[in-house]
Amino acid sequence: MSLPRFQSKALGESQSAPRLHVVTFGCQMNKYDSLSVEGKFRRQGWQTTDAIDEADVVLFNTCSVREHAEERVFSWVGELRKAKERKPGMVVGVMGCMAERLGEEIYGRSPVVDLVVGTRSFQHLPALVDELLERRAASPTRTPRITRLGFDEEPDAGGRQGEPYTGGRHAYLTVMRGCDLNCTFCVVPKVRGRVLSRGIDELVDEARWMIDSGAQVLTLLGQTVNSWGEDLAAPAEGEARFRGRQGRPALADLIYRLQELDGLERLRLITLHPSYVTPALAQALRDCDKCDRFLPLPAQSGSDDVLRRMKRGYTTDLYRKRVEILREHCPDIELGTDWIVGFPGETDDDFAATERFLAEQRFLVNYVFQYSPRPDTAADALVDDVPADVKRERNNRLLALGESVALARLREKLGLEVPVFVEEPHEKHAGVLRARTHTGISVSLKGDASLAGTTQRVLVEDCTPYGLAGSLASEVAKRPDEH
């Protein structure tokens, strides 16, 4: 790629290396993709900058899960109009889920946009920017635009070769793209395509690269991460068999491989689907002490009628059986879940069933969302018949119940001494550290910042619905005997 020399009016001088700024919206997978894109540009001689005004290329990595997420992007992009007037050479791109969903409609709402690049075309971005600049140079009086959508047949392998990992102590690793399910409320299959799993050796190599560069905590990402490997080929006859169906690779195999990596302290998983919970996965969680025993396992509703309209692929009874598999092997496992209230046709009885199911399963973490229709989903054809005030009331009730259940669970930890991994100093309170138990519970404690990245024992002294608070057991031992 030939590097153009940008005339930066903001800096008052030309730059020998162009600068990139990426704005990321949405999930951890988008954050992983943004780091990957930055790496691809850096390998072509670009620099990254934290200041939009200094950037020659600004990319917005977007989310389409909710309308509000898309409107935020349009608002941010609109703010660049004046910046682009001051710096006509600036390139503005929209990438990711919103780009895949809306395509060239984005140009109509945001004339400053030059590039629209979908969820599986990230690897082409440096070349697409180069092509755009060449078109500009060839026709200075025209406004060229480039759109790249659709789903490549192979998942992008990430962006690690030839540069250091820059993601910090907590690394995210996308193990798969897309989703093969058809939940009626979800736009993911539309914007991310069908499942493509990355190979196990490739993932282990990337994880080792991250750990060698300072990562200690690794979170594996996928829309249904426990379905990883379902689309990979079974080994040839005579080769080692894996733990998945018909001998295919399964998430359990990947967990066992990652467990072997020196320097890895914690392994986490986001997000799982009840249909793909297997005994092999539960056994891996039991056997591998680096893997957190906290799983986000969305239920979405406690009503079988609503689950059927959502096309979730399970009943509450099947959900219970999957959880029983997990708890049989890991009695201390904690679960988090997502709920959608006000889905079309949800009655008072349906919502009461959801409340009962939350209380029964004693979920530690509950994310509650009010249903809103999304274009390009099957549920958009349903009548949105639950009034807005009823949605709000159910939302608040379920949040309050979730807090009550979580508080009761966390009170059971008071007075216990628990091991925690210290993640980082608190960003607002000096002398306070953020940590997490092996079962995913957030813990705050007083201590020196030098303890970040270490495992410590903490005496639990207080709690809220959102976590624990305590003191280092070593410091408690030094206290005078009050008796």
Protein backbone atom coordinates (compact mmCIF):
# COMPACT_ATOMS: atom_id res chain seq x y z
CA MET A 1 0.00 0.00 0.00
CA SER A 2 1.39 3.39 -0.95
CA LEU A 3 1.09 5.87 1.88
CA PRO A 4 -0.43 9.26 0.92
CA ARG A 5 0.86 12.46 2.45
CA PHE A 6 -2.08 14.16 4.13
CA GLN A 7 -2.12 17.92 4.54
CA SER A 8 -3.27 18.40 8.12
CA LYS A 9 -4.70 21.90 8.54
CA ALA A 10 -5.26 21.23 12.22
CA LEU A 11 -1.55 20.59 12.67
CA GLY A 12 -0.44 23.14 10.11
CA GLU A 13 1.96 20.74 8.43
CA SER A 14 2.01 17.57 6.33
CA GLN A 15 2.45 14.24 8.01
CA SER A 16 4.80 11.53 6.83
CA ALA A 17 2.51 8.87 8.32
CA PRO A 18 -1.29 9.21 8.14
CA ARG A 19 -3.29 8.87 11.34
CA LEU A 20 -6.26 6.68 12.20
CA HIS A 21 -8.90 7.10 14.90
CA VAL A 22 -11.48 4.39 15.63
CA VAL A 23 -14.66 5.03 17.65
CA THR A 24 -16.20 1.81 18.99
CA PHE A 25 -19.84 1.27 19.94
CA GLY A 26 -21.46 -1.87 21.31
CA CYS A 27 -20.13 -5.19 22.50
CA GLN A 28 -16.72 -6.59 23.39
CA MET A 29 -16.58 -8.25 19.98
CA ASN A 30 -16.59 -4.80 18.42
CA LYS A 31 -13.72 -3.78 20.69
CA TYR A 32 -11.76 -6.81 19.51
CA ASP A 33 -12.54 -5.94 15.88
CA SER A 34 -11.41 -2.34 16.40
CA LEU A 35 -8.05 -3.44 17.82
CA SER A 36 -7.68 -5.80 14.87
CA VAL A 37 -8.39 -3.01 12.39
CA GLU A 38 -5.90 -0.69 14.10
CA GLY A 39 -3.30 -3.44 13.82
CA LYS A 40 -3.92 -3.86 10.10
CA PHE A 41 -3.41 -0.14 9.51
CA ARG A 42 -0.29 0.02 11.68
CA ARG A 43 1.29 -2.76 9.68
CA GLN A 44 0.82 -0.56 6.62
CA GLY A 45 2.73 2.30 8.28
CA TRP A 46 -0.16 4.21 9.82
CA GLN A 47 -0.26 5.75 13.27
CA THR A 48 -3.25 5.70 15.63
CA THR A 49 -4.37 8.80 17.47
CA ASP A 50 -6.75 9.41 20.37
CA ALA A 51 -7.80 12.79 18.93
CA ILE A 52 -10.40 12.85 16.16
CA ASP A 53 -9.26 16.29 15.00
CA GLU A 54 -5.77 14.92 14.35
CA ALA A 55 -7.02 11.92 12.37
CA ASP A 56 -6.89 11.56 8.61
CA VAL A 57 -9.20 8.56 8.72
CA VAL A 58 -12.03 8.21 11.29
CA LEU A 59 -13.83 4.88 11.50
CA PHE A 60 -16.99 4.21 13.48
CA ASN A 61 -17.38 0.57 14.50
CA THR A 62 -21.11 0.23 15.06
CA CYS A 63 -23.89 -1.77 16.74
CA SER A 64 -27.42 -2.50 15.50
CA VAL A 65 -28.91 -4.36 18.44
CA ARG A 66 -31.05 -1.35 19.35
CA GLU A 67 -32.21 1.76 17.55
CA HIS A 68 -30.58 4.00 20.14
CA ALA A 69 -27.16 2.55 19.28
CA GLU A 70 -27.58 3.50 15.62
CA GLU A 71 -28.85 6.99 16.43
CA ARG A 72 -25.77 7.62 18.57
CA VAL A 73 -23.58 6.80 15.58
CA PHE A 74 -25.44 9.23 13.33
CA SER A 75 -25.07 11.90 16.02
CA TRP A 76 -21.31 11.34 16.28
CA VAL A 77 -20.85 11.28 12.53
CA GLY A 78 -22.83 14.49 12.20
CA GLU A 79 -20.38 16.23 14.53
CA LEU A 80 -17.62 15.65 11.95
CA ARG A 81 -19.18 17.93 9.36
CA LYS A 82 -17.27 21.00 10.51
CA ALA A 83 -14.08 19.02 11.05
CA LYS A 84 -14.27 17.75 7.48
CA GLU A 85 -14.83 21.28 6.20
CA ARG A 86 -11.62 22.33 7.94
CA LYS A 87 -9.84 19.22 6.69
CA PRO A 88 -11.32 18.18 3.33
CA GLY A 89 -8.92 15.26 2.96
CA MET A 90 -10.36 13.46 5.98
CA VAL A 91 -11.90 10.03 5.31
CA VAL A 92 -14.93 9.02 7.36
CA GLY A 93 -16.02 5.39 7.46
CA VAL A 94 -18.86 3.44 9.08
CA MET A 95 -18.09 -0.21 9.72
CA GLY A 96 -19.72 -3.14 11.49
CA CYS A 97 -23.31 -4.17 12.16
CA MET A 98 -25.03 -0.89 11.31
CA ALA A 99 -23.07 -0.71 8.05
CA GLU A 100 -24.14 -4.24 7.15
CA ARG A 101 -27.79 -3.54 7.98
CA LEU A 102 -28.24 -0.14 6.36
CA GLY A 103 -25.62 -0.21 3.60
CA GLU A 104 -25.74 2.78 1.28
CA GLU A 105 -28.69 4.27 3.17
CA ILE A 106 -26.04 5.68 5.50
CA TYR A 107 -24.81 8.08 2.81
CA GLY A 108 -28.29 9.63 2.58
CA ARG A 109 -28.40 10.42 6.29
CA SER A 110 -24.72 11.29 6.68
CA PRO A 111 -23.21 12.91 3.57
CA VAL A 112 -19.80 13.18 5.28
CA VAL A 113 -19.40 9.37 5.15
CA ASP A 114 -17.02 8.05 2.49
CA LEU A 115 -16.83 4.34 3.36
CA VAL A 116 -19.40 1.75 4.43
CA VAL A 117 -17.82 -1.58 5.35
CA GLY A 118 -19.68 -4.60 6.74
CA THR A 119 -18.95 -7.02 9.56
CA ARG A 120 -16.79 -9.49 7.64
CA SER A 121 -14.88 -7.08 5.43
CA PHE A 122 -12.68 -5.44 8.09
CA GLN A 123 -9.53 -7.02 6.69
CA HIS A 124 -9.96 -5.02 3.47
CA LEU A 125 -10.15 -1.59 5.13
CA PRO A 126 -6.55 -0.40 4.50
CA ALA A 127 -6.86 -1.32 0.83
CA LEU A 128 -10.31 0.29 0.59
CA VAL A 129 -9.00 3.54 2.06
CA ASP A 130 -6.12 3.44 -0.40
CA GLU A 131 -8.55 2.89 -3.28
CA LEU A 132 -10.72 5.79 -2.11
CA LEU A 133 -7.75 8.15 -1.98
CA GLU A 134 -6.65 7.10 -5.45
CA ARG A 135 -10.12 7.85 -6.80
CA ARG A 136 -10.06 11.26 -5.14
CA ALA A 137 -6.70 12.03 -6.69
CA ALA A 138 -7.91 10.95 -10.12
CA SER A 139 -11.14 13.00 -9.96
CA PRO A 140 -10.68 15.92 -7.53
CA THR A 141 -14.07 17.45 -8.37
CA ARG A 142 -16.03 14.28 -7.58
CA THR A 143 -16.92 12.68 -4.24
CA PRO A 144 -16.10 8.98 -4.51
CA ARG A 145 -17.62 6.50 -2.07
CA ILE A 146 -16.89 2.83 -1.50
CA THR A 147 -19.22 0.21 -0.03
CA ARG A 148 -18.09 -3.30 0.92
CA LEU A 149 -20.74 -5.61 2.35
CA GLY A 150 -21.51 -9.32 2.45
CA PHE A 151 -19.98 -12.26 4.26
CA ASP A 152 -16.60 -13.68 3.30
CA GLU A 153 -16.37 -17.44 3.38
CA GLU A 154 -13.50 -17.44 5.87
CA PRO A 155 -13.43 -15.60 9.21
CA ASP A 156 -10.85 -12.87 9.59
CA ALA A 157 -7.87 -14.30 11.44
CA GLY A 158 -7.34 -11.22 13.56
CA GLY A 159 -4.50 -8.72 13.44
CA ARG A 160 -1.55 -9.88 15.45
CA GLN A 161 1.36 -10.58 13.15
CA GLY A 162 4.28 -8.22 13.27
CA GLU A 163 3.22 -5.99 16.15
CA PRO A 164 2.79 -6.04 19.92
CA TYR A 165 -0.55 -6.71 21.55
CA THR A 166 -1.91 -3.45 22.99
CA GLY A 167 -5.14 -4.56 24.67
CA GLY A 168 -3.92 -4.57 28.27
CA ARG A 169 -4.25 -7.08 31.09
CA HIS A 170 -7.75 -8.18 30.00
CA ALA A 171 -7.79 -9.51 26.44
CA TYR A 172 -10.78 -10.36 24.26
CA LEU A 173 -10.55 -13.12 21.67
CA THR A 174 -13.28 -13.59 19.08
CA VAL A 175 -13.47 -17.32 18.45
CA MET A 176 -16.32 -17.29 15.93
CA ARG A 177 -18.45 -15.02 13.77
CA GLY A 178 -22.19 -15.01 13.22
CA CYS A 179 -25.07 -17.05 14.55
CA ASP A 180 -27.04 -20.03 13.20
CA LEU A 181 -30.09 -19.45 15.39
CA ASN A 182 -33.19 -17.52 14.37
CA CYS A 183 -34.43 -15.70 17.46
CA THR A 184 -37.25 -13.52 16.19
CA PHE A 185 -36.13 -10.40 18.07
CA CYS A 186 -32.46 -10.52 17.01
CA VAL A 187 -30.77 -8.86 14.06
CA VAL A 188 -27.40 -10.60 14.52
CA PRO A 189 -27.80 -13.31 11.83
CA LYS A 190 -28.76 -10.55 9.38
CA VAL A 191 -25.76 -8.35 10.11
CA ARG A 192 -23.12 -10.94 11.06
CA GLY A 193 -24.09 -13.92 8.93
CA ARG A 194 -24.05 -17.61 9.74
CA VAL A 195 -21.53 -19.19 12.08
CA LEU A 196 -17.88 -19.39 11.09
CA SER A 197 -15.61 -20.83 13.77
CA ARG A 198 -11.89 -20.13 13.78
CA GLY A 199 -9.52 -23.08 14.03
CA ILE A 200 -8.33 -24.25 17.44
CA ASP A 201 -4.60 -23.97 16.67
CA GLU A 202 -5.02 -20.46 15.31
CA LEU A 203 -6.92 -19.40 18.44
CA VAL A 204 -4.36 -20.91 20.80
CA ASP A 205 -1.57 -19.12 18.89
CA GLU A 206 -3.36 -15.77 19.17
CA ALA A 207 -4.05 -16.34 22.87
CA ARG A 208 -0.37 -17.14 23.44
CA TRP A 209 0.60 -13.93 21.60
CA MET A 210 -1.71 -11.90 23.85
CA ILE A 211 -0.41 -13.55 27.02
CA ASP A 212 3.23 -13.12 25.97
CA SER A 213 2.45 -9.40 25.56
CA GLY A 214 0.98 -8.98 29.04
CA ALA A 215 -2.59 -10.29 29.00
CA GLN A 216 -3.56 -12.30 32.07
CA VAL A 217 -7.33 -12.56 31.66
CA LEU A 218 -8.78 -13.85 28.40
CA THR A 219 -12.45 -13.63 27.45
CA LEU A 220 -13.64 -15.80 24.58
CA LEU A 221 -16.29 -14.08 22.48
CA GLY A 222 -19.08 -15.40 20.30
CA GLN A 223 -22.79 -14.78 19.78
CA THR A 224 -23.28 -18.35 21.03
CA VAL A 225 -19.76 -19.09 22.15
CA ASN A 226 -20.54 -22.60 23.36
CA SER A 227 -21.55 -23.56 19.81
CA TRP A 228 -17.96 -22.95 18.70
CA GLY A 229 -16.71 -25.78 16.51
CA GLU A 230 -20.13 -27.03 15.36
CA ASP A 231 -19.32 -25.95 11.79
CA LEU A 232 -15.75 -27.30 11.74
CA ALA A 233 -14.91 -30.54 10.01
CA ALA A 234 -14.59 -33.76 11.97
CA PRO A 235 -11.06 -35.22 12.02
CA ALA A 236 -10.07 -37.79 9.44
CA GLU A 237 -10.20 -41.44 10.34
CA GLY A 238 -7.32 -42.35 12.61
CA GLU A 239 -6.84 -38.78 13.91
CA ALA A 240 -7.61 -37.72 17.47
CA ARG A 241 -11.29 -37.19 18.14
CA PHE A 242 -12.66 -34.08 19.81
CA ARG A 243 -15.41 -33.72 22.41
CA GLY A 244 -18.06 -32.29 20.09
CA ARG A 245 -20.73 -34.02 18.10
CA GLN A 246 -19.39 -36.66 15.69
CA GLY A 247 -15.90 -35.98 17.00
CA ARG A 248 -15.86 -32.31 15.95
CA PRO A 249 -14.01 -29.68 18.00
CA ALA A 250 -16.05 -28.27 20.88
CA LEU A 251 -15.57 -25.38 23.28
CA ALA A 252 -14.45 -27.89 25.91
CA ASP A 253 -11.45 -28.77 23.70
CA LEU A 254 -10.46 -25.13 23.39
CA ILE A 255 -10.76 -24.60 27.16
CA TYR A 256 -8.46 -27.56 27.87
CA ARG A 257 -5.88 -26.22 25.38
CA LEU A 258 -5.95 -22.72 26.84
CA GLN A 259 -5.65 -24.08 30.37
CA GLU A 260 -2.14 -25.22 29.42
CA LEU A 261 -0.87 -21.72 28.60
CA ASP A 262 1.62 -20.37 31.12
CA GLY A 263 0.83 -16.83 32.20
CA LEU A 264 -2.92 -17.12 31.73
CA GLU A 265 -4.65 -16.46 35.06
CA ARG A 266 -8.35 -16.37 34.18
CA LEU A 267 -10.49 -17.55 31.26
CA ARG A 268 -14.01 -16.20 30.71
CA LEU A 269 -16.83 -16.89 28.25
CA ILE A 270 -19.37 -14.56 26.56
CA THR A 271 -22.19 -15.38 25.64
CA LEU A 272 -23.65 -18.90 25.91
CA HIS A 273 -26.90 -20.44 24.70
CA PRO A 274 -28.77 -23.10 26.73
CA SER A 275 -29.13 -25.40 23.72
CA TYR A 276 -25.34 -25.87 23.49
CA VAL A 277 -24.68 -26.67 27.15
CA THR A 278 -23.16 -30.16 27.24
CA PRO A 279 -21.63 -32.52 29.82
CA ALA A 280 -18.28 -32.07 28.07
CA LEU A 281 -18.43 -28.31 28.67
CA ALA A 282 -19.40 -28.80 32.31
CA GLN A 283 -16.51 -31.24 32.78
CA ALA A 284 -14.07 -28.73 31.27
CA LEU A 285 -15.26 -26.04 33.68
CA ARG A 286 -14.76 -28.51 36.55
CA ASP A 287 -11.29 -29.65 35.44
CA CYS A 288 -9.78 -26.31 34.34
CA ASP A 289 -9.14 -24.07 37.32
CA LYS A 290 -8.29 -21.07 35.13
CA CYS A 291 -11.84 -20.94 33.78
CA ASP A 292 -14.23 -18.73 35.75
CA ARG A 293 -17.30 -20.50 37.05
CA PHE A 294 -19.60 -17.72 35.95
CA LEU A 295 -21.60 -18.12 32.76
CA PRO A 296 -23.86 -15.61 31.00
CA LEU A 297 -26.72 -17.91 29.95
CA PRO A 298 -29.62 -15.76 28.70
CA ALA A 299 -33.10 -17.05 29.50
CA GLN A 300 -34.97 -14.06 27.95
CA SER A 301 -38.31 -15.15 29.44
CA GLY A 302 -39.76 -17.55 31.99
CA SER A 303 -42.86 -18.20 29.86
CA ASP A 304 -42.78 -21.10 27.41
CA ASP A 305 -45.35 -19.33 25.23
CA VAL A 306 -43.12 -16.27 24.92
CA LEU A 307 -40.02 -18.40 24.36
CA ARG A 308 -41.83 -20.14 21.51
CA ARG A 309 -42.71 -16.80 19.86
CA MET A 310 -39.10 -15.73 20.33
CA LYS A 311 -37.96 -19.01 18.67
CA ARG A 312 -35.38 -19.52 21.38
CA GLY A 313 -35.27 -23.27 20.81
CA TYR A 314 -35.86 -24.38 24.40
CA THR A 315 -38.49 -24.49 27.11
CA THR A 316 -37.98 -23.51 30.73
CA ASP A 317 -37.80 -27.20 31.56
CA LEU A 318 -34.98 -27.75 29.07
CA TYR A 319 -33.21 -24.68 30.47
CA ARG A 320 -33.44 -26.23 33.96
CA LYS A 321 -31.96 -29.49 32.71
CA ARG A 322 -29.03 -27.68 31.12
CA VAL A 323 -28.36 -25.79 34.35
CA GLU A 324 -28.54 -29.07 36.27
CA ILE A 325 -25.72 -30.41 34.07
CA LEU A 326 -23.58 -27.43 34.97
CA ARG A 327 -24.34 -27.55 38.69
CA GLU A 328 -23.81 -31.30 38.88
CA HIS A 329 -20.18 -30.81 37.84
CA CYS A 330 -19.64 -27.33 39.35
CA PRO A 331 -21.90 -26.81 42.39
CA ASP A 332 -20.50 -23.32 42.96
CA ILE A 333 -21.23 -22.04 39.45
CA GLU A 334 -22.97 -18.67 39.16
CA LEU A 335 -25.20 -17.62 36.26
CA GLY A 336 -26.07 -14.33 34.66
CA THR A 337 -28.98 -13.83 32.30
CA ASP A 338 -30.76 -11.44 29.95
CA TRP A 339 -34.50 -10.75 30.00
CA ILE A 340 -36.77 -9.10 27.48
CA VAL A 341 -39.98 -7.69 28.94
CA GLY A 342 -42.97 -6.59 26.89
CA PHE A 343 -42.36 -8.96 23.99
CA PRO A 344 -45.40 -9.05 21.66
CA GLY A 345 -48.20 -11.00 23.28
CA GLU A 346 -46.64 -11.09 26.76
CA THR A 347 -49.48 -11.30 29.28
CA ASP A 348 -49.49 -10.64 32.99
CA ASP A 349 -49.30 -14.39 33.52
CA ASP A 350 -46.30 -14.64 31.20
CA PHE A 351 -44.49 -11.94 33.12
CA ALA A 352 -45.35 -13.57 36.45
CA ALA A 353 -43.77 -16.78 35.11
CA THR A 354 -40.61 -14.80 34.35
CA GLU A 355 -40.53 -13.47 37.91
CA ARG A 356 -40.90 -16.99 39.28
CA PHE A 357 -38.18 -18.33 37.03
CA LEU A 358 -35.72 -15.62 38.09
CA ALA A 359 -36.39 -16.32 41.76
CA GLU A 360 -36.15 -20.08 41.24
CA GLN A 361 -32.83 -20.01 39.39
CA ARG A 362 -31.38 -17.31 41.68
CA PHE A 363 -29.45 -15.59 38.90
CA LEU A 364 -26.58 -13.51 40.20
CA VAL A 365 -26.68 -10.98 37.33
CA ASN A 366 -29.84 -9.85 35.51
CA TYR A 367 -29.85 -7.57 32.48
CA VAL A 368 -33.38 -6.41 31.69
CA PHE A 369 -34.44 -4.88 28.37
CA GLN A 370 -37.76 -3.50 27.22
CA TYR A 371 -38.75 -4.94 23.86
CA SER A 372 -38.67 -2.55 20.92
CA PRO A 373 -39.24 -3.59 17.29
CA ARG A 374 -36.13 -3.82 15.13
CA PRO A 375 -36.23 -3.76 11.33
CA ASP A 376 -34.96 -6.91 9.59
CA THR A 377 -36.19 -9.18 12.40
CA ALA A 378 -39.09 -11.62 12.28
CA ALA A 379 -40.65 -10.07 15.39
CA ASP A 380 -41.01 -6.78 13.54
CA ALA A 381 -44.03 -8.34 11.81
CA LEU A 382 -45.71 -9.00 15.16
CA VAL A 383 -48.05 -6.49 16.77
CA ASP A 384 -46.16 -4.57 19.47
CA ASP A 385 -49.18 -4.80 21.76
CA VAL A 386 -47.71 -4.28 25.23
CA PRO A 387 -48.16 -0.61 26.20
CA ALA A 388 -45.03 1.41 26.94
CA ASP A 389 -46.05 2.11 30.53
CA VAL A 390 -46.57 -1.62 31.13
CA LYS A 391 -43.12 -2.36 29.70
CA ARG A 392 -41.56 0.21 32.03
CA GLU A 393 -43.40 -1.17 35.05
CA ARG A 394 -42.35 -4.75 34.27
CA ASN A 395 -38.80 -3.60 33.61
CA ASN A 396 -38.60 -1.92 37.02
CA ARG A 397 -40.21 -4.86 38.82
CA LEU A 398 -37.82 -7.36 37.30
CA LEU A 399 -34.80 -5.18 38.05
CA ALA A 400 -35.92 -4.87 41.68
CA LEU A 401 -36.47 -8.62 41.97
CA GLY A 402 -33.07 -9.30 40.40
CA GLU A 403 -31.40 -6.98 42.91
CA SER A 404 -33.21 -8.67 45.79
CA VAL A 405 -32.17 -12.14 44.66
CA ALA A 406 -28.56 -11.09 44.04
CA LEU A 407 -28.34 -9.36 47.42
CA ALA A 408 -29.59 -12.48 49.18
CA ARG A 409 -27.00 -14.59 47.38
CA LEU A 410 -24.15 -12.22 48.14
CA ARG A 411 -25.09 -11.94 51.82
CA GLU A 412 -24.27 -15.65 52.04
CA LYS A 413 -20.64 -14.67 51.41
CA LEU A 414 -20.34 -12.32 54.39
CA GLY A 415 -17.60 -13.40 56.78
CA LEU A 416 -16.04 -15.79 54.27
CA GLU A 417 -12.45 -15.62 53.08
CA VAL A 418 -12.34 -15.90 49.29
CA PRO A 419 -9.55 -15.84 46.68
CA VAL A 420 -9.83 -13.02 44.14
CA PHE A 421 -7.92 -11.91 41.08
CA VAL A 422 -7.08 -8.21 41.41
CA GLU A 423 -7.86 -6.62 38.06
CA GLU A 424 -7.12 -2.91 38.36
CA PRO A 425 -7.15 0.16 40.60
CA HIS A 426 -10.53 1.86 40.91
CA GLU A 427 -10.70 4.71 38.39
CA LYS A 428 -12.41 7.10 40.82
CA HIS A 429 -11.32 6.12 44.33
CA ALA A 430 -7.65 6.21 45.24
CA GLY A 431 -6.43 3.23 47.22
CA VAL A 432 -9.35 1.03 46.14
CA LEU A 433 -8.90 -2.00 43.90
CA ARG A 434 -11.30 -3.87 41.65
CA ALA A 435 -11.14 -7.65 41.84
CA ARG A 436 -13.23 -10.67 40.91
CA THR A 437 -13.84 -14.07 42.45
CA HIS A 438 -13.51 -17.36 40.61
CA THR A 439 -17.31 -17.34 40.30
CA GLY A 440 -17.38 -13.93 38.63
CA ILE A 441 -18.42 -11.81 41.61
CA SER A 442 -17.10 -8.26 41.63
CA VAL A 443 -15.10 -7.38 44.77
CA SER A 444 -13.77 -4.01 45.93
CA LEU A 445 -11.02 -3.76 48.51
CA LYS A 446 -8.42 -1.36 49.78
CA GLY A 447 -4.87 -1.98 48.64
CA ASP A 448 -1.89 -0.74 46.72
CA ALA A 449 -2.07 -0.55 42.93
CA SER A 450 0.93 -2.88 42.74
CA LEU A 451 -1.41 -5.76 43.63
CA ALA A 452 -3.12 -5.52 40.23
CA GLY A 453 -2.55 -8.73 38.31
CA THR A 454 -2.15 -10.91 41.41
CA THR A 455 -4.37 -13.34 43.28
CA GLN A 456 -5.15 -12.39 46.87
CA ARG A 457 -7.34 -13.69 49.68
CA VAL A 458 -10.05 -11.31 50.87
CA LEU A 459 -12.28 -11.37 53.93
CA VAL A 460 -15.80 -10.39 52.78
CA GLU A 461 -17.17 -7.66 55.05
CA ASP A 462 -19.99 -6.01 53.10
CA CYS A 463 -22.09 -6.41 49.97
CA THR A 464 -24.56 -4.73 47.63
CA PRO A 465 -26.68 -6.35 44.92
CA TYR A 466 -23.78 -5.74 42.55
CA GLY A 467 -20.79 -7.13 44.42
CA LEU A 468 -18.77 -7.64 47.55
CA ALA A 469 -16.43 -5.48 49.58
CA GLY A 470 -13.75 -6.60 51.95
CA SER A 471 -10.19 -6.42 53.20
CA LEU A 472 -7.04 -8.32 52.39
CA ALA A 473 -6.92 -11.32 54.69
CA SER A 474 -3.27 -10.56 55.38
CA GLU A 475 -4.26 -7.10 56.69
CA VAL A 476 -7.13 -8.49 58.77
CA ALA A 477 -4.67 -10.85 60.47
CA LYS A 478 -2.67 -7.83 61.63
CA ARG A 479 -5.63 -6.20 63.37
CA PRO A 480 -5.63 -6.22 67.18
CA ASP A 481 -7.68 -8.99 68.74
CA GLU A 482 -10.90 -7.23 69.77
CA HIS A 483 -11.62 -9.94 72.35
